[in-house]
Amino acid sequence: MPQLKDIATQIRRDIVRMVHGCQSGHPGGSLGCADFFAALYFKVMQHKPQPFDMDGGDQDLFFLSNGHISPVFYSTLAHAGYFDKKELSTFRKLDSRLQGHPTTHEGLPGIRIASGSLGQGMSVAIGAALTKKLNNDDRFVFSLHGDGELEEGQNWEAIMFAPHHKVDNLIVTVDWNGQQIDGTVEDVAGLGDLEPKFAAFGWKVLHMDGNNMDEVVATLEKAISLTGKGQPIVILMKTVMGKGVDFMEGHHEWHGIAPSDEQLAKALAQLPEPAELGDY
């Protein structure tokens, strides 16, 4: 666990530096999901960074639906060995493979779908999970979605489809931080109680504190143990937007703005650089 926590801290350092470096991007949700990404890629998933295989046969797959939190995804992929971490310095710059929202035509290892338009990732993840079943591939498909993203109607078609077709090799996580670009999710378009909604469609519902590393690992491992039983699994993950940087925590304004020089210095002071990892 100490190693995973160090990885999450380094990812958070990368996030604020990347967004500051181009004065553009989405730090809030990225910071909130750093623990989840560290646990998923460095503990839970079976995956093969090199050579990168777009088909992903005989390995676990991950799809990021809320693509605007690309900084946390790119940092994770770099530290996991998909590409050199020095490339993180090109985030959102001209001719970079690290676009603001992930794209496949750039050929960046680890990216399997373009995810900028919200609401599409669950449908893709379901398709990948069904493909694994057809191919007798016993590995799993993971996906991540924002809570505000669930306001997109396509999600609910997918939520209805997966249990009906017994897509039981699928583990969906919802980042339930309660914030979106225009304010709180409750003020914009309240989601109500998500657990009975998913359960009514036929999902197995789990909960976890997405900023508690022990709980994140334990819940993801529990989700895997529940696969193969005729139900897709959803994890409702409570996080704090901007986690790890006190002046960003819990404020929707940090959904999509970059820190100033002074704010960057304050943020990095709260995120000590892990000796065995290091900045790009």
Protein backbone atom coordinates (compact mmCIF):
# COMPACT_ATOMS: atom_id res chain seq x y z
CA MET A 1 0.00 0.00 0.00
CA PRO A 2 2.77 2.53 0.69
CA GLN A 3 4.04 2.03 -2.88
CA LEU A 4 0.55 2.53 -4.33
CA LYS A 5 0.12 5.70 -2.27
CA ASP A 6 3.46 7.01 -3.55
CA ILE A 7 2.35 6.30 -7.12
CA ALA A 8 -0.90 8.19 -6.51
CA THR A 9 1.06 11.14 -5.11
CA GLN A 10 3.34 11.19 -8.14
CA ILE A 11 0.33 11.03 -10.46
CA ARG A 12 -1.14 14.03 -8.64
CA ARG A 13 2.13 15.95 -9.06
CA ASP A 14 2.08 15.16 -12.76
CA ILE A 15 -1.52 16.31 -13.09
CA VAL A 16 -0.99 19.78 -11.68
CA ARG A 17 2.28 20.23 -13.58
CA MET A 18 0.77 19.09 -16.90
CA VAL A 19 -2.28 21.34 -16.62
CA HIS A 20 -0.14 24.28 -15.47
CA GLY A 21 2.34 23.71 -18.29
CA CYS A 22 -0.23 24.37 -21.02
CA GLN A 23 -2.59 26.52 -18.89
CA SER A 24 -5.44 24.27 -19.94
CA GLY A 25 -7.07 21.03 -18.81
CA HIS A 26 -9.10 19.39 -16.09
CA PRO A 27 -7.29 18.97 -12.77
CA GLY A 28 -10.21 18.48 -10.35
CA GLY A 29 -11.59 15.12 -11.41
CA SER A 30 -8.11 13.90 -12.31
CA LEU A 31 -6.83 14.52 -8.79
CA GLY A 32 -9.89 12.84 -7.28
CA CYS A 33 -9.33 9.64 -9.28
CA ALA A 34 -5.57 9.24 -8.76
CA ASP A 35 -5.95 6.55 -6.09
CA PHE A 36 -8.31 4.55 -8.30
CA PHE A 37 -5.91 4.63 -11.25
CA ALA A 38 -2.91 3.70 -9.12
CA ALA A 39 -4.74 0.72 -7.63
CA LEU A 40 -6.20 -0.41 -10.96
CA TYR A 41 -3.02 -0.28 -13.05
CA PHE A 42 -0.41 -1.20 -10.44
CA LYS A 43 -2.27 -3.80 -8.37
CA VAL A 44 -5.55 -5.08 -9.79
CA MET A 45 -5.50 -5.30 -13.59
CA GLN A 46 -3.56 -7.84 -15.60
CA HIS A 47 -2.30 -5.84 -18.57
CA LYS A 48 0.63 -5.74 -20.99
CA PRO A 49 2.11 -2.28 -21.60
CA GLN A 50 4.69 -3.44 -24.16
CA PRO A 51 4.19 -4.22 -26.88
CA PHE A 52 0.82 -2.50 -26.85
CA ASP A 53 -1.90 -4.62 -28.48
CA MET A 54 -5.00 -2.67 -29.47
CA ASP A 55 -7.15 -5.84 -29.38
CA GLY A 56 -6.08 -6.58 -25.81
CA GLY A 57 -6.62 -10.31 -25.97
CA ASP A 58 -5.93 -12.35 -22.81
CA GLN A 59 -5.57 -9.26 -20.67
CA ASP A 60 -7.83 -6.90 -18.75
CA LEU A 61 -9.03 -3.79 -20.58
CA PHE A 62 -9.84 -0.32 -19.28
CA PHE A 63 -11.96 2.35 -20.95
CA LEU A 64 -12.07 5.96 -19.72
CA SER A 65 -15.47 7.38 -20.59
CA ASN A 66 -15.09 10.82 -18.98
CA GLY A 67 -12.15 11.61 -21.21
CA HIS A 68 -11.59 15.14 -19.93
CA ILE A 69 -9.71 13.68 -16.93
CA SER A 70 -6.99 12.64 -19.37
CA PRO A 71 -4.13 13.99 -17.18
CA VAL A 72 -4.61 11.21 -14.61
CA PHE A 73 -4.89 8.62 -17.38
CA TYR A 74 -1.76 9.78 -19.24
CA SER A 75 0.33 9.94 -16.07
CA THR A 76 -0.79 6.44 -15.07
CA LEU A 77 -0.01 4.99 -18.50
CA ALA A 78 3.44 6.61 -18.53
CA HIS A 79 4.43 5.30 -15.10
CA ALA A 80 3.01 1.87 -15.98
CA GLY A 81 5.39 1.67 -18.94
CA TYR A 82 3.18 2.38 -21.94
CA PHE A 83 5.33 5.33 -23.04
CA ASP A 84 8.17 7.50 -21.70
CA LYS A 85 7.05 9.80 -18.91
CA LYS A 86 9.01 12.64 -20.52
CA GLU A 87 6.21 12.84 -23.07
CA LEU A 88 3.90 14.13 -20.32
CA SER A 89 5.54 17.53 -20.84
CA THR A 90 3.82 17.77 -24.24
CA PHE A 91 0.29 17.59 -22.82
CA ARG A 92 -2.19 19.64 -24.91
CA LYS A 93 0.59 21.19 -27.00
CA LEU A 94 0.81 21.35 -30.80
CA ASP A 95 1.63 18.01 -32.46
CA SER A 96 1.41 16.17 -29.12
CA ARG A 97 -0.01 12.66 -28.84
CA LEU A 98 -1.41 13.71 -25.46
CA GLN A 99 -4.54 15.54 -26.57
CA GLY A 100 -6.88 17.20 -24.08
CA HIS A 101 -9.27 14.31 -24.66
CA PRO A 102 -7.71 10.95 -25.59
CA THR A 103 -7.71 10.00 -29.26
CA THR A 104 -6.68 6.83 -31.06
CA HIS A 105 -5.38 8.32 -34.30
CA GLU A 106 -2.39 9.73 -32.42
CA GLY A 107 -1.19 6.15 -31.81
CA LEU A 108 -0.58 6.65 -28.09
CA PRO A 109 -0.11 3.24 -26.41
CA GLY A 110 -2.79 2.47 -23.84
CA ILE A 111 -5.56 4.45 -25.58
CA ARG A 112 -8.22 2.21 -27.12
CA ILE A 113 -11.04 4.71 -27.76
CA ALA A 114 -11.46 8.43 -28.28
CA SER A 115 -13.38 9.71 -25.28
CA GLY A 116 -14.33 13.34 -25.37
CA SER A 117 -18.04 13.09 -26.04
CA LEU A 118 -19.52 12.04 -22.71
CA GLY A 119 -21.81 9.07 -22.29
CA GLN A 120 -20.30 6.66 -24.80
CA GLY A 121 -17.74 4.70 -22.80
CA MET A 122 -20.10 2.22 -21.16
CA SER A 123 -21.45 1.11 -24.52
CA VAL A 124 -17.89 0.53 -25.75
CA ALA A 125 -16.94 -1.36 -22.59
CA ILE A 126 -19.99 -3.61 -22.96
CA GLY A 127 -19.03 -4.35 -26.56
CA ALA A 128 -15.48 -5.24 -25.52
CA ALA A 129 -16.76 -7.45 -22.72
CA LEU A 130 -19.09 -9.31 -25.08
CA THR A 131 -16.21 -9.75 -27.53
CA LYS A 132 -14.13 -11.38 -24.80
CA LYS A 133 -16.97 -13.82 -24.16
CA LEU A 134 -17.20 -14.68 -27.87
CA ASN A 135 -13.44 -15.22 -27.96
CA ASN A 136 -13.46 -17.41 -24.81
CA ASP A 137 -11.20 -14.81 -23.19
CA ASP A 138 -11.64 -14.99 -19.41
CA ARG A 139 -10.21 -11.56 -18.57
CA PHE A 140 -12.23 -8.54 -17.45
CA VAL A 141 -13.27 -5.13 -18.77
CA PHE A 142 -13.15 -2.07 -16.50
CA SER A 143 -14.54 1.38 -17.22
CA LEU A 144 -14.77 4.73 -15.43
CA HIS A 145 -17.53 7.33 -15.72
CA GLY A 146 -18.30 10.68 -14.13
CA ASP A 147 -21.46 11.14 -12.08
CA GLY A 148 -22.44 14.22 -14.10
CA GLU A 149 -21.84 12.12 -17.19
CA LEU A 150 -24.79 9.92 -16.19
CA GLU A 151 -27.04 12.78 -17.28
CA GLU A 152 -26.35 11.55 -20.83
CA GLY A 153 -29.17 9.27 -21.97
CA GLN A 154 -26.99 6.75 -23.78
CA ASN A 155 -25.70 5.55 -20.40
CA TRP A 156 -29.15 4.36 -19.39
CA GLU A 157 -29.59 2.35 -22.57
CA ALA A 158 -26.28 0.66 -21.77
CA ILE A 159 -27.27 0.20 -18.12
CA MET A 160 -30.42 -1.59 -19.33
CA PHE A 161 -28.59 -3.65 -21.97
CA ALA A 162 -25.77 -5.13 -19.85
CA PRO A 163 -27.85 -7.08 -17.28
CA HIS A 164 -30.27 -8.30 -19.95
CA HIS A 165 -27.36 -9.84 -21.83
CA LYS A 166 -25.62 -11.04 -18.64
CA VAL A 167 -22.42 -9.10 -19.29
CA ASP A 168 -20.85 -10.43 -16.11
CA ASN A 169 -17.20 -9.80 -17.01
CA LEU A 170 -17.75 -6.03 -16.80
CA ILE A 171 -16.81 -3.81 -13.83
CA VAL A 172 -18.04 -0.23 -14.15
CA THR A 173 -16.98 2.49 -11.72
CA VAL A 174 -18.80 5.80 -11.29
CA ASP A 175 -16.79 8.70 -9.88
CA TRP A 176 -19.42 10.10 -7.54
CA ASN A 177 -17.79 13.40 -6.55
CA GLY A 178 -20.97 15.45 -6.79
CA GLN A 179 -19.39 18.13 -8.99
CA GLN A 180 -19.55 19.05 -12.67
CA ILE A 181 -18.52 21.99 -14.81
CA ASP A 182 -21.57 24.19 -14.04
CA GLY A 183 -21.91 23.44 -10.34
CA THR A 184 -22.97 20.54 -8.15
CA VAL A 185 -24.60 17.57 -9.83
CA GLU A 186 -27.56 18.00 -7.51
CA ASP A 187 -28.15 21.57 -8.74
CA VAL A 188 -27.63 20.82 -12.43
CA ALA A 189 -29.67 17.60 -12.75
CA GLY A 190 -29.86 15.55 -9.56
CA LEU A 191 -29.27 11.83 -9.96
CA GLY A 192 -31.16 10.78 -6.86
CA ASP A 193 -30.11 7.53 -5.20
CA LEU A 194 -27.99 5.66 -7.74
CA GLU A 195 -27.87 2.32 -5.94
CA PRO A 196 -31.56 1.38 -6.34
CA LYS A 197 -31.53 2.67 -9.91
CA PHE A 198 -28.70 0.37 -10.96
CA ALA A 199 -30.12 -2.47 -8.87
CA ALA A 200 -33.52 -2.12 -10.55
CA PHE A 201 -31.87 -2.71 -13.92
CA GLY A 202 -30.15 -5.83 -12.55
CA TRP A 203 -26.64 -4.68 -11.61
CA LYS A 204 -24.65 -5.83 -8.60
CA VAL A 205 -23.87 -2.60 -6.74
CA LEU A 206 -20.81 -1.95 -4.57
CA HIS A 207 -19.68 1.19 -2.78
CA MET A 208 -16.21 2.49 -1.96
CA ASP A 209 -14.29 5.51 -0.75
CA GLY A 210 -12.20 6.29 -3.83
CA ASN A 211 -9.64 8.24 -1.80
CA ASN A 212 -8.88 5.41 0.62
CA MET A 213 -6.29 3.18 -1.06
CA ASP A 214 -6.95 0.14 1.11
CA GLU A 215 -10.66 0.33 0.37
CA VAL A 216 -10.12 0.91 -3.34
CA VAL A 217 -7.96 -2.22 -3.70
CA ALA A 218 -10.28 -4.34 -1.53
CA THR A 219 -13.40 -3.26 -3.42
CA LEU A 220 -11.91 -3.79 -6.86
CA GLU A 221 -10.74 -7.26 -5.81
CA LYS A 222 -14.20 -8.00 -4.39
CA ALA A 223 -15.75 -6.91 -7.69
CA ILE A 224 -13.56 -9.38 -9.56
CA SER A 225 -14.67 -12.14 -7.19
CA LEU A 226 -18.29 -11.40 -8.10
CA THR A 227 -17.82 -11.69 -11.86
CA GLY A 228 -19.16 -14.67 -13.79
CA LYS A 229 -22.44 -14.79 -11.89
CA GLY A 230 -24.79 -13.37 -14.51
CA GLN A 231 -24.68 -9.71 -13.44
CA PRO A 232 -22.55 -6.73 -14.46
CA ILE A 233 -20.98 -4.93 -11.52
CA VAL A 234 -20.99 -1.23 -10.75
CA ILE A 235 -18.90 0.47 -8.07
CA LEU A 236 -20.24 3.78 -6.79
CA MET A 237 -17.00 5.52 -5.86
CA LYS A 238 -17.14 8.54 -3.59
CA THR A 239 -14.24 10.91 -4.24
CA VAL A 240 -13.34 14.51 -3.51
CA MET A 241 -12.75 16.69 -6.56
CA GLY A 242 -9.23 18.12 -6.33
CA LYS A 243 -8.14 15.59 -3.70
CA GLY A 244 -4.63 16.22 -2.39
CA VAL A 245 -4.58 19.97 -3.01
CA ASP A 246 -6.46 21.72 -0.24
CA PHE A 247 -7.57 24.82 -2.14
CA MET A 248 -8.98 22.68 -4.97
CA GLU A 249 -10.82 20.12 -2.86
CA GLY A 250 -14.60 20.03 -3.27
CA HIS A 251 -14.87 23.03 -5.61
CA HIS A 252 -16.48 22.57 -9.01
CA GLU A 253 -14.54 25.57 -10.34
CA TRP A 254 -11.48 23.30 -10.55
CA HIS A 255 -13.26 21.03 -13.01
CA GLY A 256 -11.50 22.73 -15.89
CA ILE A 257 -9.12 25.56 -14.97
CA ALA A 258 -5.34 25.61 -14.66
CA PRO A 259 -3.35 26.73 -11.60
CA SER A 260 -1.23 29.87 -11.68
CA ASP A 261 2.49 29.77 -10.91
CA GLU A 262 1.79 30.57 -7.26
CA GLN A 263 -0.97 27.98 -7.03
CA LEU A 264 1.24 25.34 -8.64
CA ALA A 265 3.93 25.94 -6.03
CA LYS A 266 1.35 25.59 -3.23
CA ALA A 267 -0.01 22.41 -4.76
CA LEU A 268 3.39 20.76 -5.18
CA ALA A 269 4.32 21.66 -1.60
CA GLN A 270 1.40 19.48 -0.48
CA LEU A 271 2.47 16.57 -2.71
CA PRO A 272 6.04 15.53 -1.80
CA GLU A 273 7.90 14.00 -4.73
CA PRO A 274 8.35 10.23 -4.14
CA ALA A 275 12.07 9.42 -4.30
CA GLU A 276 11.72 6.23 -6.37
CA LEU A 277 9.46 7.79 -9.01
CA GLY A 278 10.21 11.44 -9.68
CA ASP A 279 8.83 14.14 -11.91
CA TYR A 280 9.01 13.96 -15.68
